[in-house]
N, C-alpha and C. Protein backbone atom coordinates (compact mmCIF):
# COMPACT_ATOMS: atom_id res chain seq x y z
N MET A 1 92.92 -47.78 -22.18
CA MET A 1 92.61 -47.67 -20.77
C MET A 1 91.48 -48.65 -20.46
N THR A 2 91.71 -49.54 -19.54
CA THR A 2 90.66 -50.45 -19.12
C THR A 2 90.24 -50.08 -17.72
N SER A 3 88.97 -49.94 -17.53
CA SER A 3 88.47 -49.60 -16.20
C SER A 3 87.36 -50.57 -15.84
N GLN A 4 87.10 -50.65 -14.57
CA GLN A 4 86.03 -51.50 -14.09
C GLN A 4 84.77 -50.67 -13.86
N TYR A 5 84.96 -49.40 -13.50
CA TYR A 5 83.84 -48.51 -13.21
C TYR A 5 84.05 -47.18 -13.93
N LEU A 6 83.03 -46.73 -14.63
CA LEU A 6 83.03 -45.41 -15.27
C LEU A 6 81.92 -44.62 -14.58
N LEU A 7 82.33 -43.65 -13.76
CA LEU A 7 81.36 -42.89 -12.96
C LEU A 7 80.61 -41.88 -13.81
N ASP A 8 79.35 -41.68 -13.49
CA ASP A 8 78.60 -40.62 -14.15
C ASP A 8 78.46 -39.43 -13.21
N THR A 9 77.96 -38.33 -13.73
CA THR A 9 77.87 -37.09 -12.97
C THR A 9 77.02 -37.25 -11.71
N ASN A 10 75.88 -37.89 -11.83
CA ASN A 10 74.98 -38.02 -10.68
C ASN A 10 75.62 -38.77 -9.53
N ILE A 11 76.32 -39.86 -9.80
CA ILE A 11 76.93 -40.61 -8.72
C ILE A 11 78.08 -39.82 -8.10
N CYS A 12 78.82 -39.08 -8.92
CA CYS A 12 79.89 -38.23 -8.38
C CYS A 12 79.32 -37.19 -7.42
N ILE A 13 78.22 -36.59 -7.79
CA ILE A 13 77.58 -35.57 -6.94
C ILE A 13 77.15 -36.19 -5.62
N GLU A 14 76.54 -37.37 -5.68
CA GLU A 14 76.09 -38.03 -4.46
C GLU A 14 77.27 -38.42 -3.57
N ILE A 15 78.35 -38.89 -4.17
CA ILE A 15 79.56 -39.21 -3.39
C ILE A 15 80.12 -37.93 -2.75
N ALA A 16 80.19 -36.84 -3.51
CA ALA A 16 80.71 -35.57 -2.99
C ALA A 16 79.85 -35.05 -1.84
N ARG A 17 78.57 -35.34 -1.88
CA ARG A 17 77.66 -34.91 -0.80
C ARG A 17 77.73 -35.82 0.42
N GLY A 18 78.51 -36.88 0.32
CA GLY A 18 78.66 -37.79 1.45
C GLY A 18 77.62 -38.88 1.53
N ARG A 19 76.90 -39.09 0.45
CA ARG A 19 75.90 -40.15 0.41
C ARG A 19 76.55 -41.41 -0.16
N TYR A 20 75.87 -42.50 -0.01
CA TYR A 20 76.34 -43.78 -0.56
C TYR A 20 77.72 -44.16 -0.04
N LEU A 21 77.85 -44.26 1.26
CA LEU A 21 79.13 -44.61 1.87
C LEU A 21 79.62 -45.97 1.41
N GLY A 22 78.70 -46.88 1.09
CA GLY A 22 79.09 -48.18 0.58
C GLY A 22 79.84 -48.07 -0.74
N ILE A 23 79.40 -47.17 -1.60
CA ILE A 23 80.09 -46.95 -2.88
C ILE A 23 81.46 -46.35 -2.62
N GLN A 24 81.54 -45.40 -1.71
CA GLN A 24 82.83 -44.78 -1.38
C GLN A 24 83.82 -45.84 -0.90
N LYS A 25 83.37 -46.74 -0.03
CA LYS A 25 84.25 -47.80 0.47
C LYS A 25 84.68 -48.73 -0.66
N ARG A 26 83.75 -49.06 -1.53
CA ARG A 26 84.08 -49.94 -2.64
C ARG A 26 85.11 -49.30 -3.56
N MET A 27 84.92 -48.02 -3.87
CA MET A 27 85.86 -47.32 -4.75
C MET A 27 87.25 -47.23 -4.10
N ALA A 28 87.28 -47.00 -2.79
CA ALA A 28 88.55 -46.89 -2.07
C ALA A 28 89.32 -48.20 -2.08
N ALA A 29 88.61 -49.31 -2.16
CA ALA A 29 89.26 -50.63 -2.14
C ALA A 29 89.84 -51.02 -3.50
N LEU A 30 89.48 -50.30 -4.55
CA LEU A 30 89.95 -50.65 -5.89
C LEU A 30 91.30 -50.03 -6.17
N SER A 31 92.08 -50.68 -7.00
CA SER A 31 93.38 -50.13 -7.38
C SER A 31 93.19 -48.98 -8.37
N TYR A 32 94.21 -48.11 -8.41
CA TYR A 32 94.17 -46.95 -9.29
C TYR A 32 93.95 -47.40 -10.73
N GLY A 33 93.08 -46.73 -11.42
CA GLY A 33 92.80 -47.04 -12.81
C GLY A 33 91.56 -47.88 -13.00
N LYS A 34 91.05 -48.46 -11.93
CA LYS A 34 89.83 -49.27 -12.04
C LYS A 34 88.57 -48.40 -12.04
N VAL A 35 88.70 -47.16 -11.59
CA VAL A 35 87.59 -46.20 -11.58
C VAL A 35 88.00 -45.02 -12.44
N THR A 36 87.19 -44.68 -13.41
CA THR A 36 87.51 -43.59 -14.33
C THR A 36 86.31 -42.67 -14.51
N LEU A 37 86.60 -41.54 -15.14
CA LEU A 37 85.56 -40.58 -15.52
C LEU A 37 85.68 -40.32 -17.01
N CYS A 38 84.58 -40.01 -17.62
CA CYS A 38 84.62 -39.41 -18.94
C CYS A 38 84.91 -37.93 -18.69
N ALA A 39 85.74 -37.34 -19.48
CA ALA A 39 86.08 -35.92 -19.27
C ALA A 39 84.84 -35.04 -19.30
N MET A 40 83.81 -35.47 -20.01
CA MET A 40 82.58 -34.68 -20.04
C MET A 40 81.94 -34.65 -18.65
N VAL A 41 82.06 -35.73 -17.90
CA VAL A 41 81.57 -35.74 -16.51
C VAL A 41 82.33 -34.70 -15.71
N TRP A 42 83.67 -34.66 -15.92
CA TRP A 42 84.46 -33.63 -15.24
C TRP A 42 83.95 -32.24 -15.63
N ALA A 43 83.63 -32.03 -16.89
CA ALA A 43 83.10 -30.74 -17.34
C ALA A 43 81.80 -30.40 -16.61
N GLU A 44 80.94 -31.38 -16.45
CA GLU A 44 79.67 -31.14 -15.76
C GLU A 44 79.88 -30.85 -14.27
N LEU A 45 80.82 -31.55 -13.65
CA LEU A 45 81.14 -31.26 -12.25
C LEU A 45 81.73 -29.86 -12.10
N GLU A 46 82.60 -29.50 -13.01
CA GLU A 46 83.22 -28.17 -13.00
C GLU A 46 82.15 -27.09 -13.22
N LEU A 47 81.23 -27.33 -14.12
CA LEU A 47 80.13 -26.38 -14.36
C LEU A 47 79.32 -26.20 -13.08
N GLY A 48 78.98 -27.30 -12.45
CA GLY A 48 78.21 -27.22 -11.20
C GLY A 48 78.94 -26.41 -10.14
N ALA A 49 80.25 -26.59 -10.05
CA ALA A 49 81.04 -25.83 -9.08
C ALA A 49 81.02 -24.34 -9.41
N ARG A 50 81.14 -24.02 -10.69
CA ARG A 50 81.14 -22.61 -11.10
C ARG A 50 79.80 -21.92 -10.87
N LEU A 51 78.72 -22.69 -10.91
CA LEU A 51 77.39 -22.13 -10.69
C LEU A 51 76.90 -22.28 -9.25
N SER A 52 77.68 -22.91 -8.41
CA SER A 52 77.27 -23.21 -7.04
C SER A 52 77.02 -21.95 -6.22
N GLN A 53 75.96 -22.00 -5.44
CA GLN A 53 75.67 -20.89 -4.53
C GLN A 53 76.63 -20.88 -3.35
N LYS A 54 77.35 -21.99 -3.12
CA LYS A 54 78.34 -22.06 -2.05
C LYS A 54 79.61 -21.32 -2.42
N GLY A 55 79.76 -20.99 -3.68
CA GLY A 55 80.98 -20.37 -4.16
C GLY A 55 81.86 -21.41 -4.83
N TYR A 56 82.59 -20.97 -5.81
CA TYR A 56 83.38 -21.89 -6.62
C TYR A 56 84.41 -22.65 -5.80
N ALA A 57 85.18 -21.97 -4.97
CA ALA A 57 86.27 -22.63 -4.24
C ALA A 57 85.74 -23.75 -3.34
N ARG A 58 84.66 -23.48 -2.64
CA ARG A 58 84.10 -24.49 -1.74
C ARG A 58 83.53 -25.67 -2.52
N ALA A 59 82.78 -25.38 -3.56
CA ALA A 59 82.20 -26.45 -4.38
C ALA A 59 83.29 -27.24 -5.10
N ARG A 60 84.31 -26.55 -5.56
CA ARG A 60 85.41 -27.21 -6.27
C ARG A 60 86.16 -28.14 -5.33
N ALA A 61 86.31 -27.75 -4.08
CA ALA A 61 86.99 -28.60 -3.10
C ALA A 61 86.24 -29.92 -2.91
N GLN A 62 84.91 -29.88 -3.00
CA GLN A 62 84.11 -31.09 -2.84
C GLN A 62 84.32 -32.09 -3.97
N ILE A 63 84.66 -31.61 -5.14
CA ILE A 63 84.81 -32.52 -6.28
C ILE A 63 86.28 -32.81 -6.61
N GLU A 64 87.19 -32.24 -5.85
CA GLU A 64 88.62 -32.37 -6.15
C GLU A 64 89.06 -33.83 -6.26
N VAL A 65 88.54 -34.69 -5.42
CA VAL A 65 88.94 -36.10 -5.45
C VAL A 65 88.72 -36.72 -6.83
N PHE A 66 87.70 -36.27 -7.54
CA PHE A 66 87.42 -36.83 -8.86
C PHE A 66 88.45 -36.40 -9.90
N SER A 67 89.13 -35.29 -9.63
CA SER A 67 90.17 -34.84 -10.57
C SER A 67 91.39 -35.77 -10.54
N LEU A 68 91.48 -36.61 -9.53
CA LEU A 68 92.60 -37.55 -9.40
C LEU A 68 92.39 -38.83 -10.21
N LEU A 69 91.18 -39.06 -10.66
CA LEU A 69 90.87 -40.28 -11.41
C LEU A 69 91.31 -40.15 -12.87
N PRO A 70 91.69 -41.27 -13.48
CA PRO A 70 91.96 -41.23 -14.92
C PRO A 70 90.69 -40.81 -15.66
N GLN A 71 90.88 -40.08 -16.75
CA GLN A 71 89.73 -39.60 -17.52
C GLN A 71 89.83 -40.04 -18.97
N TRP A 72 88.69 -40.41 -19.50
CA TRP A 72 88.61 -40.71 -20.92
C TRP A 72 88.68 -39.38 -21.67
N PRO A 73 89.22 -39.35 -22.87
CA PRO A 73 89.49 -38.10 -23.59
C PRO A 73 88.31 -37.15 -23.75
N PHE A 74 88.59 -36.00 -24.08
CA PHE A 74 87.94 -34.70 -24.09
C PHE A 74 88.64 -34.07 -22.92
N ASP A 75 89.86 -33.65 -23.22
CA ASP A 75 90.82 -33.36 -22.16
C ASP A 75 90.31 -32.37 -21.12
N ARG A 76 90.98 -32.39 -20.01
CA ARG A 76 90.56 -31.61 -18.85
C ARG A 76 90.50 -30.11 -19.15
N ALA A 77 91.47 -29.61 -19.88
CA ALA A 77 91.45 -28.18 -20.23
C ALA A 77 90.20 -27.85 -21.04
N SER A 78 89.84 -28.75 -21.95
CA SER A 78 88.61 -28.55 -22.74
C SER A 78 87.38 -28.59 -21.85
N ALA A 79 87.37 -29.51 -20.90
CA ALA A 79 86.24 -29.63 -19.98
C ALA A 79 86.07 -28.37 -19.14
N GLU A 80 87.18 -27.84 -18.63
CA GLU A 80 87.10 -26.64 -17.81
C GLU A 80 86.73 -25.42 -18.64
N HIS A 81 87.23 -25.36 -19.87
CA HIS A 81 86.87 -24.26 -20.76
C HIS A 81 85.37 -24.34 -21.10
N TYR A 82 84.88 -25.53 -21.37
CA TYR A 82 83.45 -25.73 -21.61
C TYR A 82 82.65 -25.22 -20.41
N ALA A 83 83.06 -25.60 -19.21
CA ALA A 83 82.32 -25.21 -18.01
C ALA A 83 82.32 -23.71 -17.82
N GLU A 84 83.47 -23.09 -18.07
CA GLU A 84 83.56 -21.64 -17.93
C GLU A 84 82.63 -20.94 -18.92
N LEU A 85 82.66 -21.36 -20.17
CA LEU A 85 81.79 -20.77 -21.20
C LEU A 85 80.32 -21.02 -20.89
N ARG A 86 80.00 -22.25 -20.53
CA ARG A 86 78.61 -22.61 -20.25
C ARG A 86 78.08 -21.82 -19.05
N ALA A 87 78.90 -21.68 -18.01
CA ALA A 87 78.47 -20.92 -16.83
C ALA A 87 78.23 -19.45 -17.20
N ASP A 88 79.13 -18.88 -17.98
CA ASP A 88 78.95 -17.48 -18.40
C ASP A 88 77.68 -17.32 -19.22
N LEU A 89 77.46 -18.21 -20.17
CA LEU A 89 76.25 -18.14 -21.00
C LEU A 89 74.99 -18.34 -20.16
N GLN A 90 75.03 -19.27 -19.24
CA GLN A 90 73.85 -19.54 -18.41
C GLN A 90 73.54 -18.32 -17.53
N ARG A 91 74.57 -17.68 -17.00
CA ARG A 91 74.35 -16.47 -16.20
C ARG A 91 73.73 -15.34 -17.01
N GLN A 92 74.09 -15.30 -18.31
CA GLN A 92 73.57 -14.26 -19.20
C GLN A 92 72.14 -14.56 -19.65
N GLY A 93 71.69 -15.76 -19.38
CA GLY A 93 70.33 -16.15 -19.75
C GLY A 93 70.28 -16.78 -21.11
């Protein structure tokens, strides 16, 4: 998989919050596959959604666009399982 941009968690969060419109425009102009995520970034986004005070469904909707991007391995099921476990452990202290 060759990509031009590998997004990190922080930039994904800022894009989801509607900041950095210039980056959003640039990403929209690129062809599919030029922007990717590491699956661990997906895990971190999923964790944030599970811990969100807005509620999981609302927070998850904000990051849904990132689920459409190609991901470097550490598959999505593993990322979501990690997030679920991490959220449960964090809630338990």
